[in-house]
Every structure is written in C-alpha cells, then in structure tokens.
Amino acid sequence: MTTDFSGNAQTMSLVGFSAVATITLLLCVMTGPDRDDLDEFYTGYSSLSPMRNGLAIAGDYISAATVLGTGGVIALFGYDGVVLALSTALSLMLLMFLLAEPLRNAGRFTMGDALTRRMPGRGVRIAACAVTLAALLPLMLVQLAGTGQLMAFILGFSGESLQTGCIIGVGALMISYAAIGGMKGTALIQILKIVMLLGSGLVVAVLILHRFDWDPGALFAAAAHNSGVGSAFLSSGLQFSGGPSPDLDMITAQLTVVLGGGVLPHVTMRMYTASSARQVRRSMSWAVSGVALFVLVITVVGFGATALVGRELIAQVDPQGNTAYLLGSQAAFGADVSAAETFLFTTVTTAVFLTLLASVAGMILACANSLAHDVFAARVQEMSPRREMTVARLSALAVGVSAIVLATQVQHRSLQWLVTLSFCLGASAIAPALVYSLFWRRYTRTGLLSTLIGGSLAVLLLMPGTNLVSGSPVSAFPEADFNWFPFTTTGLLSIPLGFACGWLGTMASGRRQSEEQRHQYEAVEGWILAGAARRDH
C-alpha cells in the first residue's frame, strides 16, 4: 500500500488546520481573562463543570507524544505498546485515587503553592519552578519538532526551511493560546481537542474492526502475521529485546510511566481549577473514562496499522512509528476513498494537529504560571495582580520562544529520549516530593529540596548513558556510542534515589526540625487531607 496522501486529502487537511487555528485563537480571545484578575487567569474562577474540567484534564494528559508515540510503539512492538498505553491510563488513576484531592486542597495556582502549604520559603518555590521547567520543556520540544514532521508528512513537502517555518508559526500560535486565553481559554481548546480526537478515533477503530468482521482475534492475528516477527509481536519484551535485561527494562519503563505521567505539572495544575473536593473527584472520573476509551481506540488503530500496512513499511516511513496512527487511519478506508471518507480522514489529521497545539499550549501555561507566581511574584512582597498577570504573559512568551528555538535545532534527531526524560523527572523528583509533602508528617524543607534536587540530578546524570541517547541506530546520536547504562529509562535507580534523598534529607535535619514540621503539618492536615477548608496563601 502507498503511504502518500491524495491531493484532496492534503488540500482538505490544510483547510482544516487553518480553520482550527482560527477558531481556537478566537475562542482564546473571547474567553481571555481581564488584565488584573489572577484567579481567572490561573484557574478560570473554577467555573468549569466536572464534565468539562474532566475533559480538559484528559486533553492535557493525552499529549501528541501519547497519540503518535504510543500509537507507534503499539504498531511496531504489539503487546509492549498495549502495556505502555495501559500504564498511561493507570498513572491517571493513581493521581485520581491518591493525590488529586490533597493537591486541590493544598494548592492554589501552582505546584509551588502545594509544596509550600506547610513549608513556606522562596527556595522551595524556585526548586519547584526549576523542576517544572525541566520536566515540561523536553515534552514541548518533542511536540514542536513533531509539528514540522507531521505537516511535511501530510502535506507532502520535504524542505527543511518549510518544516522550520511550520514549527515557528505553530509555536507562535501556542504562545498566543497560553498568554491570551489563560486557564479557561486553554481548557476550551483541550475540550475541543479531546472530543475531536476521541470522535474521529472511534470511527476509525470501528472501520478497522469492520474490516476484520468485528473479530479482535483476527485483527491481532493479522497484525502478528504482518509484523515480520510472528508470535513475538503478541508477547512481552519485543521492544527491549536488544538490551541485556529486557524483562527488567520493560518493568522499569512501565513503572516510570505509571509514577511519572500523572504528576507532570501541566496535569496537576488542573486540580486547582475544581471548586471543591467533590468536584475534583467527579472531574477525575470523567478524565479517567476519556483516557481509558482512548487506550482502546489507539490499541485498535495501532494493531490495524500493522495488519493493513505492515510493520516494515511503518518503520520505513518513520523508525519511531510516529506516523502509524495516521497510516492506520488511512488504511481503514481501503483503496477506493469516497469524499465522505476523505472528510473523515481530514478530521483525524486535524484532531492530531489540534492535539499538538493544545498540548504545548497547556505546558507553556504551566511553566509561565510557575515562573510568574513562584519566582517573580514571590520575590516582590506586594506585586499587584495586574503586574503579575503581565509577568505571566511575558513568561509564556519567553518559554515559548525558547522552546521554538531549541525545537528547530533538534527536529531531525530521534527525540524519544526527551519524552523519557520528562517521565523520569516526574517519577523520580515530583512524585516523591508530592507524596512526602502531602502525607509524611515529619518531612522537612531540607528533605523536600533534597528530593527535588537529588531526584532530578539522578535522572540528568543517568539519562545520557541510556541507549536512547547513543549506541543504537534509532538513538538521538546514532554516530556516537557512550551508552553505559543498560536500560532504556533511568527509573530503576533514579526513583529509589528520589525517595531516598527525601528520607535522608529529613533525617539529616535533626529531631527538632522534624518535630516542628510535624506540628506545622498537623495544623494544616485537615485542609490537605479532608478538605475542611481551602484558604489561599
């Protein structure tokens, strides 16, 4: 089968991209906050209903890296990709049952607010902001770089300058979403994105199942047959078969996703938009349902891509399989494509394009909020709301421009290691810090800073030694080989180190400081765990 798209599909996709960009920008302008209203900019007045807030959470959680990357892993590695998709859903469920309500009760606008509820201090806020930037900037680079590749693949051009132009243009649009729309504007874009993504994906999944007479077993068998590896496609370990310990590598990778995915700051910031503990529970129920449905959709489309297109051709188009979702959608229509099917495929491509836009906009907003509120506003005792709003918008511009410049420099390299880096930072630094600060009475400021700094340093030191960075034909630097760490992710060492740093830092603080922190925690325990009241600070 050919992987080229028809002229009609390309034209309609371009029209769809332009229409979505125009409509979403207008939505941001119409719903944007007043210049001096911080609550509206940071939380949208907590005015979204549980269903809309839940869809916005699901929209923030399902990034383009999930749609394209996870879809590619399913298409190339079968069973391993399905486990990855399920791990993604499980991470959001952990957030729902363990951290969502305490986060909502403890925080106000940012992760720094939640961490300083019981341990006030500018150092904690700066560390929280630094980890927020370190965890989200790599994901932004991946998705901005993917914008140029996606546009080139769908619209049929190959010039480097055109891809760079796409990155710059789309990046400017994303900055506008975050700076103009604030929390409410980006929420509306996330809702539109998740509705389009799930709606178009469900139709494609139904068409693929129809091609196999509604028999999932026949779909899986055809995918295994066209994978070129036979039954290994439906068994665990194919993705990590080149390493010395494939089973341990797979377990570590899934654990990193489970612990790191749900605590990334652009996801947790949505907890602060719920008006009550009951609202956050209902919102998370909608979010988990949406993500679980998407896991089913992407599993069918990923296996469908392998069954109908073939694993070899998917890998030939993109060694990482990032085009598998689109190839599977195209193949679902068969050889003779009607006008209605062309329109449906355009909806799929537009939904993926909107996913890129919305995901990065949410991440830019999370970074800008943290910079403005945790760093600059905390430095000035009485910063006016209008000035803080201006700082937040300028921060969005600074973060966005930095991401655009870096994305244009790395767009032609394999960027899977950047996605892994973000999840490892979430699992090794953010997750231990949140768990300890929300539930451990004796946790001290020294322990918190040790967790954030120690966990982050462990990831940053170990990641360059993985085979995602060098030593492999699909690594970021295939021409080099400084691969000394025998696993794909750093989680096997960095996650225990993150928790250990927090414990050691707390123990080193001494009994007196631990007792003081215990008394401070007990003073706010009712607010954090039971939601007895929610006071701003």
Protein backbone atom coordinates (compact mmCIF):
# COMPACT_ATOMS: atom_id res chain seq x y z
CA MET A 1 0.00 0.00 0.00
CA THR A 2 1.12 3.57 -0.67
CA THR A 3 1.82 5.95 2.17
CA ASP A 4 1.18 9.07 0.09
CA PHE A 5 -1.98 11.07 0.64
CA SER A 6 -4.20 12.21 -2.19
CA GLY A 7 -4.30 15.82 -3.33
CA ASN A 8 -7.84 16.16 -1.99
CA ALA A 9 -6.78 14.89 1.44
CA GLN A 10 -3.84 17.30 1.51
CA THR A 11 -5.96 20.27 0.48
CA MET A 12 -8.71 19.48 2.95
CA SER A 13 -6.16 18.92 5.72
CA LEU A 14 -4.63 22.33 5.07
CA VAL A 15 -8.08 23.93 5.15
CA GLY A 16 -8.89 22.03 8.35
CA PHE A 17 -5.64 23.14 10.02
CA SER A 18 -6.31 26.78 9.10
CA ALA A 19 -9.90 26.63 10.32
CA VAL A 20 -8.95 25.05 13.65
CA ALA A 21 -6.16 27.57 14.22
CA THR A 22 -8.52 30.48 13.54
CA ILE A 23 -11.42 29.17 15.63
CA THR A 24 -9.29 28.23 18.63
CA LEU A 25 -7.49 31.59 18.63
CA LEU A 26 -10.85 33.37 18.55
CA LEU A 27 -12.03 31.23 21.49
CA CYS A 28 -8.97 32.29 23.49
CA VAL A 29 -9.56 35.97 22.72
CA MET A 30 -13.25 35.73 23.67
CA THR A 31 -12.64 33.85 26.94
CA GLY A 32 -9.38 35.54 27.93
CA PRO A 33 -9.18 36.96 31.47
CA ASP A 34 -9.15 40.61 32.50
CA ARG A 35 -5.71 42.16 32.91
CA ASP A 36 -5.85 42.26 36.70
CA ASP A 37 -7.74 39.09 37.60
CA LEU A 38 -5.31 36.41 38.72
CA ASP A 39 -7.93 33.85 39.75
CA GLU A 40 -9.46 33.99 36.29
CA PHE A 41 -6.08 33.63 34.55
CA TYR A 42 -4.73 30.84 36.78
CA THR A 43 -7.91 28.84 37.47
CA GLY A 44 -10.69 30.26 35.29
CA TYR A 45 -12.59 31.02 38.50
CA SER A 46 -13.01 27.23 38.92
CA SER A 47 -16.11 27.75 36.80
CA LEU A 48 -15.93 24.63 34.62
CA SER A 49 -18.42 21.84 35.30
CA PRO A 50 -16.97 18.45 36.35
CA MET A 51 -17.54 17.03 32.88
CA ARG A 52 -15.82 19.92 31.10
CA ASN A 53 -12.99 20.04 33.61
CA GLY A 54 -12.56 16.27 33.29
CA LEU A 55 -12.38 16.53 29.51
CA ALA A 56 -9.82 19.33 29.87
CA ILE A 57 -7.73 17.14 32.21
CA ALA A 58 -7.91 14.27 29.71
CA GLY A 59 -6.95 16.70 26.95
CA ASP A 60 -3.91 17.91 28.87
CA TYR A 61 -2.96 14.34 29.76
CA ILE A 62 -3.21 12.91 26.22
CA SER A 63 -0.40 14.75 24.50
CA ALA A 64 0.75 14.42 20.92
CA ALA A 65 3.60 12.29 22.24
CA THR A 66 0.95 9.87 23.53
CA VAL A 67 -1.09 9.83 20.33
CA LEU A 68 1.82 9.49 17.91
CA GLY A 69 4.45 7.87 20.14
CA THR A 70 2.29 5.28 21.91
CA GLY A 71 0.47 4.52 18.67
CA GLY A 72 3.86 3.89 17.06
CA VAL A 73 5.01 1.58 19.87
CA ILE A 74 1.79 -0.45 19.53
CA ALA A 75 2.23 -0.71 15.75
CA LEU A 76 5.91 -1.69 15.96
CA PHE A 77 6.02 -3.78 19.14
CA GLY A 78 2.45 -5.00 19.70
CA TYR A 79 1.99 -6.26 23.25
CA ASP A 80 4.62 -3.91 24.71
CA GLY A 81 2.79 -0.93 23.26
CA VAL A 82 -0.52 -2.03 24.76
CA VAL A 83 1.12 -2.33 28.18
CA LEU A 84 2.53 1.19 27.72
CA ALA A 85 -0.94 2.53 26.89
CA LEU A 86 -2.45 0.78 29.91
CA SER A 87 0.34 2.18 32.11
CA THR A 88 -0.58 5.65 30.91
CA ALA A 89 -4.20 5.14 32.00
CA LEU A 90 -3.09 3.61 35.31
CA SER A 91 -0.97 6.68 36.08
CA LEU A 92 -4.03 8.93 35.83
CA MET A 93 -5.97 6.53 38.06
CA LEU A 94 -3.23 6.77 40.70
CA LEU A 95 -3.48 10.56 40.53
CA MET A 96 -7.24 10.28 40.94
CA PHE A 97 -7.20 7.99 43.98
CA LEU A 98 -4.05 9.18 45.77
CA LEU A 99 -3.15 12.79 45.02
CA ALA A 100 -6.00 14.66 43.30
CA GLU A 101 -7.95 15.79 46.36
CA PRO A 102 -4.93 16.60 48.59
CA LEU A 103 -3.39 18.56 45.71
CA ARG A 104 -6.57 20.51 45.18
CA ASN A 105 -6.86 21.25 48.91
CA ALA A 106 -3.20 22.20 49.39
CA GLY A 107 -2.60 24.17 46.21
CA ARG A 108 -3.90 27.39 44.77
CA PHE A 109 -2.32 28.12 41.40
CA THR A 110 0.88 26.05 41.00
CA MET A 111 2.80 23.05 42.32
CA GLY A 112 4.89 25.52 44.33
CA ASP A 113 1.73 26.53 46.24
CA ALA A 114 1.02 22.91 47.15
CA LEU A 115 4.58 22.28 48.34
CA THR A 116 4.80 25.48 50.40
CA ARG A 117 1.47 24.93 52.14
CA ARG A 118 3.38 23.51 55.10
CA MET A 119 6.95 24.57 54.19
CA PRO A 120 6.91 28.23 53.12
CA GLY A 121 10.05 29.59 51.55
CA ARG A 122 11.30 31.09 48.31
CA GLY A 123 13.87 28.30 47.90
CA VAL A 124 11.10 25.69 47.70
CA ARG A 125 9.22 27.72 45.11
CA ILE A 126 12.33 28.22 42.96
CA ALA A 127 13.14 24.49 43.12
CA ALA A 128 9.54 23.64 42.18
CA CYS A 129 9.70 26.03 39.22
CA ALA A 130 13.06 24.62 38.07
CA VAL A 131 11.71 21.05 38.13
CA THR A 132 8.54 22.19 36.32
CA LEU A 133 10.62 23.69 33.51
CA ALA A 134 12.98 20.71 33.37
CA ALA A 135 10.09 18.23 33.14
CA LEU A 136 7.95 20.08 30.58
CA LEU A 137 10.48 21.69 28.24
CA PRO A 138 11.60 18.33 26.76
CA LEU A 139 7.98 17.39 26.02
CA MET A 140 7.44 20.76 24.35
CA LEU A 141 10.48 20.22 22.13
CA VAL A 142 9.26 16.80 21.03
CA GLN A 143 5.84 18.08 20.06
CA LEU A 144 7.03 21.26 18.39
CA ALA A 145 9.59 19.29 16.36
CA GLY A 146 6.84 16.80 15.54
CA THR A 147 4.72 19.65 14.15
CA GLY A 148 7.07 20.21 11.24
CA GLN A 149 7.40 16.49 10.55
CA LEU A 150 3.63 15.97 10.74
CA MET A 151 2.88 18.84 8.35
CA ALA A 152 5.56 17.62 5.95
CA PHE A 153 4.21 14.06 6.05
CA ILE A 154 0.56 15.01 5.50
CA LEU A 155 1.03 17.88 3.06
CA GLY A 156 3.80 16.18 1.08
CA PHE A 157 6.70 18.64 1.32
CA SER A 158 10.24 17.84 2.44
CA GLY A 159 12.10 21.14 2.60
CA GLU A 160 13.86 21.84 5.90
CA SER A 161 13.02 25.54 5.73
CA LEU A 162 9.32 24.75 5.35
CA GLN A 163 9.40 22.43 8.38
CA THR A 164 11.18 25.10 10.40
CA GLY A 165 8.58 27.64 9.27
CA CYS A 166 5.80 25.32 10.46
CA ILE A 167 7.46 25.00 13.88
CA ILE A 168 7.79 28.77 14.23
CA GLY A 169 4.24 29.51 13.05
CA VAL A 170 2.57 26.85 15.18
CA GLY A 171 4.76 27.78 18.15
CA ALA A 172 3.64 31.40 17.92
CA LEU A 173 0.03 30.19 17.92
CA MET A 174 0.64 28.11 21.04
CA ILE A 175 2.18 31.08 22.85
CA SER A 176 -0.90 33.13 21.97
CA TYR A 177 -3.20 30.46 23.44
CA ALA A 178 -1.37 30.46 26.76
CA ALA A 179 -0.79 34.22 27.04
CA ILE A 180 -4.23 35.35 25.90
CA GLY A 181 -6.57 32.58 26.98
CA GLY A 182 -5.14 31.64 30.37
CA MET A 183 -6.56 28.59 32.10
CA LYS A 184 -10.12 28.93 30.78
CA GLY A 185 -9.09 29.53 27.18
CA THR A 186 -6.70 26.58 27.09
CA ALA A 187 -9.35 24.43 28.79
CA LEU A 188 -11.80 25.08 25.96
CA ILE A 189 -9.14 24.10 23.42
CA GLN A 190 -8.40 20.91 25.37
CA ILE A 191 -12.11 20.03 25.41
CA LEU A 192 -12.41 20.60 21.65
CA LYS A 193 -9.27 18.54 21.10
CA ILE A 194 -10.37 15.53 23.17
CA VAL A 195 -13.84 15.49 21.60
CA MET A 196 -12.39 15.56 18.07
CA LEU A 197 -9.67 13.05 18.90
CA LEU A 198 -11.99 10.52 20.53
CA GLY A 199 -14.79 11.04 18.00
CA SER A 200 -12.62 10.58 14.91
CA GLY A 201 -10.61 7.80 16.56
CA LEU A 202 -13.74 5.82 17.44
CA VAL A 203 -14.96 5.98 13.83
CA VAL A 204 -11.58 4.78 12.55
CA ALA A 205 -11.49 1.97 15.14
CA VAL A 206 -14.99 0.86 14.07
CA LEU A 207 -13.92 0.84 10.40
CA ILE A 208 -10.84 -1.25 11.21
CA LEU A 209 -12.86 -3.77 13.22
CA HIS A 210 -15.38 -3.91 10.36
CA ARG A 211 -12.52 -4.85 8.01
CA PHE A 212 -11.89 -7.89 10.22
CA ASP A 213 -15.55 -8.88 10.65
CA TRP A 214 -15.70 -7.47 14.20
CA ASP A 215 -13.26 -10.11 15.42
CA PRO A 216 -10.40 -8.65 17.54
CA GLY A 217 -8.66 -12.02 17.43
CA ALA A 218 -8.50 -11.86 13.64
CA LEU A 219 -7.11 -8.32 13.87
CA PHE A 220 -4.36 -9.39 16.29
CA ALA A 221 -3.51 -12.44 14.19
CA ALA A 222 -3.22 -10.35 11.02
CA ALA A 223 -1.05 -7.81 12.85
CA ALA A 224 1.26 -10.58 14.10
CA HIS A 225 1.44 -12.03 10.58
CA ASN A 226 2.36 -8.67 9.00
CA SER A 227 4.80 -7.75 11.77
CA GLY A 228 7.54 -9.97 10.43
CA VAL A 229 8.28 -11.35 13.91
CA GLY A 230 5.34 -13.73 14.26
CA SER A 231 4.09 -14.62 17.73
CA ALA A 232 6.75 -12.41 19.38
CA PHE A 233 4.56 -9.44 18.37
CA LEU A 234 1.91 -10.63 20.81
CA SER A 235 4.38 -11.41 23.61
CA SER A 236 6.21 -9.16 26.03
CA GLY A 237 9.78 -7.96 25.58
CA LEU A 238 9.98 -7.25 21.82
CA GLN A 239 10.62 -3.53 22.36
CA PHE A 240 13.51 -4.19 24.75
CA SER A 241 14.90 -7.36 23.16
CA GLY A 242 18.19 -5.67 22.23
CA GLY A 243 19.12 -4.95 25.84
CA PRO A 244 20.86 -7.19 28.38
CA SER A 245 17.78 -7.45 30.67
CA PRO A 246 14.65 -7.00 28.52
CA ASP A 247 12.15 -8.06 31.21
CA LEU A 248 13.62 -5.77 33.87
CA ASP A 249 13.92 -2.95 31.34
CA MET A 250 10.24 -3.29 30.44
CA ILE A 251 9.12 -3.33 34.09
CA THR A 252 11.24 -0.24 34.84
CA ALA A 253 9.87 1.62 31.81
CA GLN A 254 6.25 0.90 32.75
CA LEU A 255 6.87 1.85 36.40
CA THR A 256 8.35 5.16 35.25
CA VAL A 257 5.26 5.90 33.17
CA VAL A 258 2.87 4.92 35.98
CA LEU A 259 4.62 7.06 38.59
CA GLY A 260 5.63 9.94 36.35
CA GLY A 261 2.81 10.53 33.87
CA GLY A 262 0.08 11.74 36.20
CA VAL A 263 2.21 14.12 38.30
CA LEU A 264 3.60 16.28 35.50
CA PRO A 265 2.80 19.94 36.33
CA HIS A 266 0.58 20.66 33.30
CA VAL A 267 -1.72 17.85 34.51
CA THR A 268 -1.69 18.63 38.24
CA MET A 269 -2.44 22.32 37.60
CA ARG A 270 -5.92 21.25 36.51
CA MET A 271 -6.60 20.01 40.04
CA TYR A 272 -6.62 23.62 41.26
CA THR A 273 -9.46 24.53 38.87
CA ALA A 274 -12.00 22.37 40.77
CA SER A 275 -14.16 24.32 43.20
CA SER A 276 -14.44 21.52 45.79
CA ALA A 277 -13.18 18.05 46.68
CA ARG A 278 -16.37 16.55 45.26
CA GLN A 279 -15.84 18.44 42.01
CA VAL A 280 -12.28 17.18 41.63
CA ARG A 281 -13.43 13.58 42.19
CA ARG A 282 -16.12 13.90 39.52
CA SER A 283 -13.72 15.66 37.15
CA MET A 284 -11.15 12.89 37.52
CA SER A 285 -13.83 10.26 36.86
CA TRP A 286 -14.57 11.90 33.51
CA ALA A 287 -10.83 12.24 32.77
CA VAL A 288 -10.04 8.59 33.54
CA SER A 289 -13.02 7.44 31.45
CA GLY A 290 -11.84 9.53 28.50
CA VAL A 291 -8.27 8.24 28.73
CA ALA A 292 -9.42 4.61 29.10
CA LEU A 293 -11.57 5.00 25.97
CA PHE A 294 -8.61 6.46 24.12
CA VAL A 295 -6.45 3.48 25.13
CA LEU A 296 -8.97 1.18 23.43
CA VAL A 297 -9.03 3.38 20.34
CA ILE A 298 -5.26 3.64 19.95
CA THR A 299 -4.85 -0.12 20.53
CA VAL A 300 -7.22 -0.93 17.67
CA VAL A 301 -5.73 1.70 15.35
CA GLY A 302 -2.14 0.65 16.18
CA PHE A 303 -2.80 -3.04 15.52
CA GLY A 304 -4.83 -2.05 12.46
CA ALA A 305 -1.87 -0.12 11.07
CA THR A 306 0.37 -3.18 11.37
CA ALA A 307 -2.27 -5.53 9.99
CA LEU A 308 -3.18 -3.36 6.98
CA VAL A 309 0.07 -1.50 6.23
CA GLY A 310 2.78 -3.79 7.62
CA ARG A 311 5.39 -3.21 10.28
CA GLU A 312 8.23 -2.89 7.78
CA LEU A 313 6.57 -0.07 5.84
CA ILE A 314 5.63 1.78 9.05
CA ALA A 315 9.24 1.63 10.25
CA GLN A 316 10.45 2.70 6.81
CA VAL A 317 8.33 5.87 6.91
CA ASP A 318 9.41 6.65 10.50
CA PRO A 319 11.72 4.39 12.56
CA GLN A 320 9.91 5.53 15.74
CA GLY A 321 6.48 4.72 14.25
CA ASN A 322 5.10 8.21 14.87
CA THR A 323 3.11 8.11 11.65
CA ALA A 324 1.43 4.78 12.46
CA TYR A 325 -1.76 6.40 13.79
CA LEU A 326 -2.24 8.32 10.54
CA LEU A 327 -1.25 5.35 8.35
CA GLY A 328 -3.70 3.12 10.21
CA SER A 329 -6.45 5.71 9.79
CA GLN A 330 -5.73 5.99 6.07
CA ALA A 331 -5.66 2.21 5.61
CA ALA A 332 -9.02 1.80 7.35
CA PHE A 333 -10.75 3.34 4.32
CA GLY A 334 -9.39 0.86 1.78
CA ALA A 335 -8.24 1.52 -1.78
CA ASP A 336 -11.28 3.46 -3.03
CA VAL A 337 -11.77 6.50 -0.86
CA SER A 338 -15.04 8.41 -1.09
CA ALA A 339 -15.49 12.11 -0.42
CA ALA A 340 -17.01 11.30 2.98
CA GLU A 341 -14.00 9.15 3.90
CA THR A 342 -11.64 11.89 2.75
CA PHE A 343 -13.51 14.29 5.03
CA LEU A 344 -13.23 11.83 7.91
CA PHE A 345 -9.51 11.42 7.36
CA THR A 346 -9.21 15.20 7.36
CA THR A 347 -10.94 15.20 10.74
CA VAL A 348 -8.35 12.71 12.02
CA THR A 349 -5.39 14.78 10.81
CA THR A 350 -6.97 17.98 12.16
CA ALA A 351 -7.53 16.30 15.54
CA VAL A 352 -3.83 15.31 15.67
CA PHE A 353 -2.84 18.85 14.68
CA LEU A 354 -5.08 20.28 17.39
CA THR A 355 -3.54 17.81 19.85
CA LEU A 356 -0.12 19.29 19.09
CA LEU A 357 -1.44 22.82 19.55
CA ALA A 358 -3.34 22.17 22.78
CA SER A 359 -0.67 20.03 24.45
CA VAL A 360 2.11 22.55 24.09
CA ALA A 361 -0.18 25.46 25.00
CA GLY A 362 -1.03 23.72 28.29
CA MET A 363 2.64 23.10 29.03
CA ILE A 364 3.61 26.68 28.23
CA LEU A 365 0.84 27.88 30.56
CA ALA A 366 2.06 25.63 33.40
CA CYS A 367 5.65 26.89 33.02
CA ALA A 368 4.57 30.53 32.73
CA ASN A 369 2.33 30.27 35.81
CA SER A 370 5.18 28.77 37.83
CA LEU A 371 7.69 31.40 36.70
CA ALA A 372 5.34 34.31 37.39
CA HIS A 373 3.80 33.07 40.64
CA ASP A 374 6.60 31.07 42.25
CA VAL A 375 9.66 33.06 41.19
CA PHE A 376 8.83 36.67 40.34
CA ALA A 377 5.74 37.27 42.49
CA ALA A 378 7.37 35.54 45.47
CA ARG A 379 10.35 37.86 45.15
CA VAL A 380 8.23 41.00 45.43
CA GLN A 381 6.18 41.13 48.63
CA GLU A 382 3.29 43.16 47.24
CA MET A 383 3.19 42.57 43.49
CA SER A 384 -0.06 43.89 42.06
CA PRO A 385 -2.37 41.43 40.27
CA ARG A 386 -2.04 43.40 37.04
CA ARG A 387 1.75 43.25 37.18
CA GLU A 388 1.76 39.54 37.96
CA MET A 389 -0.59 38.93 35.02
CA THR A 390 1.80 40.83 32.75
CA VAL A 391 4.74 38.83 34.09
CA ALA A 392 2.85 35.58 33.44
CA ARG A 393 2.20 36.55 29.84
CA LEU A 394 5.80 37.62 29.30
CA SER A 395 6.89 34.33 30.87
CA ALA A 396 4.71 32.45 28.38
CA LEU A 397 6.44 34.36 25.58
CA ALA A 398 9.91 33.60 26.96
CA VAL A 399 9.21 29.89 27.49
CA GLY A 400 7.55 29.54 24.09
CA VAL A 401 10.31 31.29 22.16
CA SER A 402 12.98 29.20 23.92
CA ALA A 403 11.09 26.00 23.05
CA ILE A 404 10.71 27.07 19.40
CA VAL A 405 14.42 27.87 19.02
CA LEU A 406 15.51 24.58 20.60
CA ALA A 407 12.95 22.58 18.59
CA THR A 408 14.31 23.92 15.30
CA GLN A 409 17.77 22.73 16.32
CA VAL A 410 16.79 19.15 17.23
CA GLN A 411 13.96 18.47 14.77
CA HIS A 412 15.95 15.96 12.69
CA ARG A 413 17.10 13.78 15.59
CA SER A 414 15.32 10.98 17.41
CA LEU A 415 13.61 12.64 20.39
CA GLN A 416 12.25 9.62 22.26
CA TRP A 417 14.84 10.22 24.98
CA LEU A 418 13.30 13.64 25.70
CA VAL A 419 9.88 12.08 26.33
CA THR A 420 11.51 9.51 28.61
CA LEU A 421 13.43 12.29 30.39
CA SER A 422 10.18 14.09 31.27
CA PHE A 423 8.54 10.96 32.67
CA CYS A 424 11.69 10.06 34.62
CA LEU A 425 11.79 13.52 36.21
CA GLY A 426 8.13 13.18 37.13
CA ALA A 427 8.64 9.75 38.70
CA SER A 428 11.97 10.49 40.40
CA ALA A 429 11.57 14.07 41.67
CA ILE A 430 7.97 15.30 41.50
CA ALA A 431 6.18 12.13 42.67
CA PRO A 432 8.37 11.62 45.80
CA ALA A 433 8.11 15.32 46.68
CA LEU A 434 4.31 15.35 46.41
CA VAL A 435 3.81 12.06 48.28
CA TYR A 436 6.14 13.04 51.12
CA SER A 437 4.88 16.62 51.46
CA LEU A 438 1.21 15.65 51.39
CA PHE A 439 1.37 12.59 53.66
CA TRP A 440 4.58 12.48 55.76
CA ARG A 441 4.25 14.49 58.96
CA ARG A 442 7.98 14.77 59.72
CA TYR A 443 9.03 15.76 56.21
CA THR A 444 11.25 18.86 56.36
CA ARG A 445 12.24 21.64 53.98
CA THR A 446 15.70 20.12 53.67
CA GLY A 447 14.12 16.79 52.77
CA LEU A 448 11.91 18.45 50.15
CA LEU A 449 14.80 20.27 48.49
CA SER A 450 16.87 17.07 48.63
CA THR A 451 14.07 15.19 46.88
CA LEU A 452 13.62 17.73 44.08
CA ILE A 453 17.32 18.33 43.51
CA GLY A 454 18.58 14.79 44.16
CA GLY A 455 15.92 13.07 42.06
CA SER A 456 16.45 15.49 39.17
CA LEU A 457 20.24 15.18 39.25
CA ALA A 458 20.00 11.38 39.28
CA VAL A 459 17.90 11.47 36.10
CA LEU A 460 20.08 14.08 34.38
CA LEU A 461 23.27 12.13 35.14
CA LEU A 462 21.92 8.72 34.13
CA MET A 463 19.93 9.65 31.01
CA PRO A 464 22.95 10.41 28.73
CA GLY A 465 24.16 6.84 29.34
CA THR A 466 20.97 5.15 28.06
CA ASN A 467 20.63 3.61 24.61
CA LEU A 468 18.05 6.26 23.67
CA VAL A 469 20.83 8.86 23.52
CA SER A 470 23.60 6.86 21.79
CA GLY A 471 24.73 3.39 20.82
CA SER A 472 21.68 2.50 18.71
CA PRO A 473 20.60 3.18 15.10
CA VAL A 474 17.41 4.85 16.41
CA SER A 475 19.09 6.85 19.20
CA ALA A 476 19.50 10.63 19.23
CA PHE A 477 23.21 10.33 18.34
CA PRO A 478 23.49 7.11 16.31
CA GLU A 479 27.01 8.01 15.16
CA ALA A 480 28.30 8.01 18.77
CA ASP A 481 28.40 5.37 21.49
CA PHE A 482 28.65 6.46 25.12
CA ASN A 483 25.94 4.05 26.24
CA TRP A 484 26.96 2.76 29.68
CA PHE A 485 23.60 2.45 31.46
CA PRO A 486 21.97 -0.82 30.33
CA PHE A 487 18.34 0.35 30.50
CA THR A 488 16.03 2.48 28.40
CA THR A 489 14.89 4.61 31.34
CA THR A 490 16.65 5.78 34.48
CA GLY A 491 13.82 4.72 36.79
CA LEU A 492 15.48 1.61 38.22
CA LEU A 493 17.98 3.83 40.07
CA SER A 494 16.56 7.35 39.97
CA ILE A 495 13.13 6.56 41.50
CA PRO A 496 14.57 4.89 44.64
CA LEU A 497 17.20 7.66 44.82
CA GLY A 498 14.49 10.35 44.72
CA PHE A 499 12.64 8.80 47.65
CA ALA A 500 15.91 8.08 49.48
CA CYS A 501 17.11 11.68 49.11
CA GLY A 502 13.91 12.92 50.74
CA TRP A 503 14.27 10.49 53.64
CA LEU A 504 17.98 11.23 54.14
CA GLY A 505 17.42 14.98 53.94
CA THR A 506 14.70 14.76 56.57
CA MET A 507 16.82 12.59 58.85
CA ALA A 508 19.76 14.99 58.47
CA SER A 509 17.55 17.89 59.53
CA GLY A 510 17.52 16.62 63.10
CA ARG A 511 14.75 15.65 65.51
CA ARG A 512 13.94 19.25 66.46
CA GLN A 513 13.20 20.40 62.92
CA SER A 514 11.24 17.21 62.23
CA GLU A 515 9.07 17.90 65.29
CA GLU A 516 8.50 21.48 64.15
CA GLN A 517 7.45 20.24 60.73
CA ARG A 518 5.17 17.68 62.32
CA HIS A 519 3.38 20.43 64.27
CA GLN A 520 3.12 22.59 61.14
CA TYR A 521 1.70 19.66 59.20
CA GLU A 522 -0.85 18.87 61.89
CA ALA A 523 -2.02 22.48 61.73
CA VAL A 524 -2.93 22.11 58.04
CA GLU A 525 -3.64 18.37 57.94
CA GLY A 526 -7.40 18.95 57.96
CA TRP A 527 -7.15 21.22 54.94
CA ILE A 528 -4.84 18.94 52.97
CA LEU A 529 -6.41 15.53 53.56
CA ALA A 530 -10.03 16.21 54.40
CA GLY A 531 -10.67 19.49 52.61
CA ALA A 532 -12.02 21.02 55.82
CA ALA A 533 -11.46 24.41 54.23
CA ARG A 534 -9.39 25.87 51.47
CA ARG A 535 -7.54 29.02 52.33
CA ASP A 536 -5.34 30.98 49.98
CA HIS A 537 -1.82 31.91 50.87
